[in-house]
Amino acid sequence: MDKRSDALIVIDMQRDFLDPGGYAATAGMDVSALCRPIPFIHTLLDNARRLGMLVVHTREGHRPDLSDCPSAKLARSRQGGAEIGSKGPLGHLLVRGEYGHDFITELQPHAGEPVVDKPGYGAFHQTDLAQILAVRGIRRLYLCGVTTEVCVHSTLREAVDRGFECVLVADACGSAHPHLHEGALQMVAVEGGIFGRVADTQTVINELEASK
């Protein structure tokens, strides 16, 4: 078993958020902006795997019958122009098992890397992520993915409340709204780092190398 106490959490790098035919594009988001962190996440993954870190991938999505999708969330998606479960070019939007729900080709998980399917924004809500981390003795999380202000930040806050030390990897996170991305990063550092730290990819790699 891996003896490292840190893990890389890659959040929602799915076709539904990153492909021009997916959920985010249907809702009018700038997919090109959401794709900007892909090379940085790729670099993080290469180094995390080389160093024997635990890598966890998350996917947001719902059961085909939408029985795990709250009516309020469904209504919000309808108001946003991309109703969850409706048919799109990549299949039914944000529905598990559809082509759009899966990860983009460049960031597919390797064998043995846990995939956490989540019905909410935070990766701990109604998932076994906490157990996966506890079994491995994980204490520090490096978080990346999309979107910075929603699923990444929701997971960060959940993790902090569970006692994890958290590092948000700024250039490996993406948002369709630059001002919200910057605001989400700034929130981490308030009150002496209430939600942990913000670092760039190269700084994180240097830290991981030093701790191997």
Protein backbone atom coordinates (compact mmCIF):
# COMPACT_ATOMS: atom_id res chain seq x y z
CA MET A 1 0.00 0.00 0.00
CA ASP A 2 1.17 3.54 -0.79
CA LYS A 3 2.73 5.11 2.30
CA ARG A 4 2.37 8.70 1.12
CA SER A 5 -0.06 10.80 3.14
CA ASP A 6 -1.05 13.07 0.25
CA ALA A 7 -3.40 12.58 -2.68
CA LEU A 8 -4.27 14.33 -5.92
CA ILE A 9 -8.00 14.91 -6.47
CA VAL A 10 -8.91 15.57 -10.12
CA ILE A 11 -12.38 17.03 -10.22
CA ASP A 12 -14.90 16.54 -13.04
CA MET A 13 -12.69 16.60 -16.13
CA GLN A 14 -15.60 15.23 -18.14
CA ARG A 15 -16.75 15.71 -21.70
CA ASP A 16 -19.96 17.27 -20.40
CA PHE A 17 -17.91 20.17 -19.05
CA LEU A 18 -15.09 20.35 -21.60
CA ASP A 19 -16.49 19.30 -24.97
CA PRO A 20 -18.33 21.77 -27.25
CA GLY A 21 -21.28 19.37 -27.33
CA GLY A 22 -21.59 18.91 -23.57
CA TYR A 23 -23.58 20.29 -20.66
CA ALA A 24 -21.42 23.37 -20.05
CA ALA A 25 -21.48 24.48 -23.68
CA THR A 26 -25.24 23.92 -23.83
CA ALA A 27 -25.56 26.21 -20.80
CA GLY A 28 -23.59 28.89 -22.65
CA MET A 29 -20.26 28.53 -20.86
CA ASP A 30 -16.91 29.24 -22.51
CA VAL A 31 -15.56 25.72 -22.94
CA SER A 32 -12.19 26.98 -24.18
CA ALA A 33 -11.65 28.64 -20.79
CA LEU A 34 -12.62 25.44 -18.99
CA CYS A 35 -10.05 23.53 -21.06
CA ARG A 36 -7.10 25.75 -20.13
CA PRO A 37 -6.00 23.70 -17.09
CA ILE A 38 -5.78 20.43 -19.08
CA PRO A 39 -1.98 20.55 -19.71
CA PHE A 40 -1.29 21.48 -16.09
CA ILE A 41 -3.47 18.63 -14.81
CA HIS A 42 -1.72 16.29 -17.21
CA THR A 43 1.64 17.35 -15.72
CA LEU A 44 0.33 16.88 -12.18
CA LEU A 45 -0.94 13.41 -13.04
CA ASP A 46 2.36 12.36 -14.61
CA ASN A 47 4.28 13.40 -11.52
CA ALA A 48 1.78 12.06 -9.00
CA ARG A 49 1.84 8.66 -10.68
CA ARG A 50 5.61 8.64 -10.90
CA LEU A 51 5.86 9.40 -7.17
CA GLY A 52 3.32 6.76 -6.16
CA MET A 53 0.63 9.16 -4.93
CA LEU A 54 -3.00 8.23 -4.65
CA VAL A 55 -4.92 9.81 -7.53
CA VAL A 56 -8.71 10.10 -7.29
CA HIS A 57 -10.94 11.20 -10.17
CA THR A 58 -14.45 12.56 -9.63
CA ARG A 59 -17.41 12.79 -12.00
CA GLU A 60 -20.62 14.73 -11.48
CA GLY A 61 -23.72 13.03 -12.79
CA HIS A 62 -26.99 11.33 -12.00
CA ARG A 63 -28.76 8.03 -12.39
CA PRO A 64 -30.61 7.61 -15.68
CA ASP A 65 -33.97 7.99 -13.91
CA LEU A 66 -32.70 11.15 -12.12
CA SER A 67 -33.84 9.70 -8.80
CA ASP A 68 -30.73 11.16 -7.15
CA CYS A 69 -31.15 14.63 -8.67
CA PRO A 70 -32.94 17.05 -6.32
CA SER A 71 -35.85 18.88 -7.92
CA ALA A 72 -34.24 22.23 -7.09
CA LYS A 73 -31.03 21.27 -8.93
CA LEU A 74 -33.03 20.03 -11.91
CA ALA A 75 -34.98 23.29 -11.99
CA ARG A 76 -31.77 25.34 -11.85
CA SER A 77 -30.34 23.42 -14.81
CA ARG A 78 -33.55 24.01 -16.75
CA GLN A 79 -33.39 27.74 -16.03
CA GLY A 80 -29.74 27.72 -17.17
CA GLY A 81 -30.69 26.30 -20.56
CA ALA A 82 -29.13 22.85 -20.06
CA GLU A 83 -31.65 20.65 -18.28
CA ILE A 84 -30.04 17.64 -16.63
CA GLY A 85 -31.21 14.48 -18.38
CA SER A 86 -32.15 16.20 -21.62
CA LYS A 87 -30.71 14.87 -24.88
CA GLY A 88 -27.60 16.50 -26.28
CA PRO A 89 -24.93 15.66 -28.89
CA LEU A 90 -23.02 13.56 -26.32
CA GLY A 91 -26.05 11.82 -24.86
CA HIS A 92 -28.30 12.79 -21.97
CA LEU A 93 -26.72 15.68 -20.08
CA LEU A 94 -24.94 14.79 -16.82
CA VAL A 95 -26.32 11.24 -16.79
CA ARG A 96 -24.09 8.36 -15.73
CA GLY A 97 -23.11 5.97 -18.48
CA GLU A 98 -23.55 8.53 -21.26
CA TYR A 99 -20.61 9.49 -23.48
CA GLY A 100 -20.62 13.04 -22.15
CA HIS A 101 -20.46 11.90 -18.54
CA ASP A 102 -17.10 10.18 -19.01
CA PHE A 103 -13.66 11.78 -18.77
CA ILE A 104 -11.96 13.44 -21.72
CA THR A 105 -9.51 11.24 -23.58
CA GLU A 106 -6.41 13.11 -22.39
CA LEU A 107 -7.21 12.59 -18.70
CA GLN A 108 -8.59 9.07 -18.50
CA PRO A 109 -7.84 7.34 -15.18
CA HIS A 110 -5.18 4.66 -15.05
CA ALA A 111 -6.00 1.17 -13.82
CA GLY A 112 -6.41 1.13 -10.06
CA GLU A 113 -7.13 4.84 -9.67
CA PRO A 114 -10.46 5.32 -7.84
CA VAL A 115 -13.29 7.04 -9.69
CA VAL A 116 -15.86 8.73 -7.44
CA ASP A 117 -19.24 9.32 -9.06
CA LYS A 118 -21.01 12.14 -7.23
CA PRO A 119 -24.56 13.47 -7.52
CA GLY A 120 -23.67 16.86 -6.02
CA TYR A 121 -21.05 19.54 -6.36
CA GLY A 122 -18.85 18.42 -3.47
CA ALA A 123 -17.03 15.11 -3.85
CA PHE A 124 -17.78 13.91 -0.31
CA HIS A 125 -21.56 14.23 -0.55
CA GLN A 126 -23.19 10.79 -0.89
CA THR A 127 -19.91 9.14 -1.97
CA ASP A 128 -17.27 6.86 -0.47
CA LEU A 129 -14.43 9.37 -0.94
CA ALA A 130 -13.90 9.82 2.80
CA GLN A 131 -13.47 6.07 3.25
CA ILE A 132 -11.08 5.81 0.29
CA LEU A 133 -8.86 8.50 1.83
CA ALA A 134 -9.10 7.11 5.37
CA VAL A 135 -8.00 3.62 4.31
CA ARG A 136 -4.87 5.11 2.70
CA GLY A 137 -4.09 7.36 5.66
CA ILE A 138 -4.34 10.50 3.53
CA ARG A 139 -3.95 13.83 5.34
CA ARG A 140 -3.16 16.34 2.57
CA LEU A 141 -5.16 16.91 -0.62
CA TYR A 142 -4.02 18.66 -3.79
CA LEU A 143 -7.15 19.72 -5.67
CA CYS A 144 -7.54 20.58 -9.35
CA GLY A 145 -10.20 20.47 -12.05
CA VAL A 146 -13.40 22.33 -12.93
CA THR A 147 -15.03 24.53 -12.05
CA THR A 148 -12.93 26.48 -9.58
CA GLU A 149 -15.86 28.30 -7.99
CA VAL A 150 -18.32 25.41 -7.85
CA CYS A 151 -17.25 21.75 -7.66
CA VAL A 152 -13.60 22.40 -6.81
CA HIS A 153 -14.42 24.89 -4.06
CA SER A 154 -17.28 22.77 -2.73
CA THR A 155 -14.94 19.79 -2.40
CA LEU A 156 -12.26 21.96 -0.82
CA ARG A 157 -14.64 23.23 1.85
CA GLU A 158 -15.94 19.74 2.59
CA ALA A 159 -12.37 18.49 2.94
CA VAL A 160 -11.35 21.30 5.28
CA ASP A 161 -14.30 20.52 7.56
CA ARG A 162 -13.09 16.91 7.67
CA GLY A 163 -9.65 17.95 8.86
CA PHE A 164 -7.64 17.63 5.65
CA GLU A 165 -4.82 19.99 4.79
CA CYS A 166 -5.70 21.34 1.35
CA VAL A 167 -3.75 22.87 -1.51
CA LEU A 168 -5.66 24.38 -4.41
CA VAL A 169 -3.56 24.17 -7.60
CA ALA A 170 -4.41 27.48 -9.25
CA ASP A 171 -3.28 26.93 -12.84
CA ALA A 172 -4.74 23.42 -12.82
CA CYS A 173 -8.25 24.71 -12.07
CA GLY A 174 -10.60 26.16 -14.65
CA SER A 175 -13.65 28.38 -14.82
CA ALA A 176 -15.69 29.97 -17.59
CA HIS A 177 -15.68 33.16 -15.52
CA PRO A 178 -12.19 34.61 -14.83
CA HIS A 179 -13.40 36.91 -12.05
CA LEU A 180 -15.03 34.00 -10.20
CA HIS A 181 -11.88 31.90 -10.64
CA GLU A 182 -9.77 34.68 -9.09
CA GLY A 183 -12.29 35.26 -6.34
CA ALA A 184 -12.35 31.56 -5.47
CA LEU A 185 -8.55 31.53 -5.21
CA GLN A 186 -8.54 34.62 -3.01
CA MET A 187 -11.09 33.09 -0.62
CA VAL A 188 -8.65 30.33 0.27
CA ALA A 189 -6.11 32.73 1.75
CA VAL A 190 -8.40 34.85 3.92
CA GLU A 191 -7.97 34.70 7.71
CA GLY A 192 -4.47 33.31 7.39
CA GLY A 193 -5.45 30.56 4.97
CA ILE A 194 -8.83 29.46 6.25
CA PHE A 195 -9.23 26.93 3.42
CA GLY A 196 -5.57 26.00 3.05
CA ARG A 197 -3.11 27.21 0.43
CA VAL A 198 -2.98 28.17 -3.23
CA ALA A 199 0.02 27.09 -5.31
CA ASP A 200 0.89 26.66 -8.97
CA THR A 201 1.70 23.36 -10.64
CA GLN A 202 5.48 23.73 -10.57
CA THR A 203 5.47 24.64 -6.87
CA VAL A 204 3.38 21.56 -6.13
CA ILE A 205 5.71 19.32 -8.10
CA ASN A 206 8.69 20.71 -6.20
CA GLU A 207 6.92 20.02 -2.89
CA LEU A 208 6.07 16.47 -3.89
CA GLU A 209 9.63 15.79 -5.01
CA ALA A 210 10.97 17.08 -1.70
CA SER A 211 8.64 14.83 0.29
CA LYS A 212 9.21 11.58 -1.59
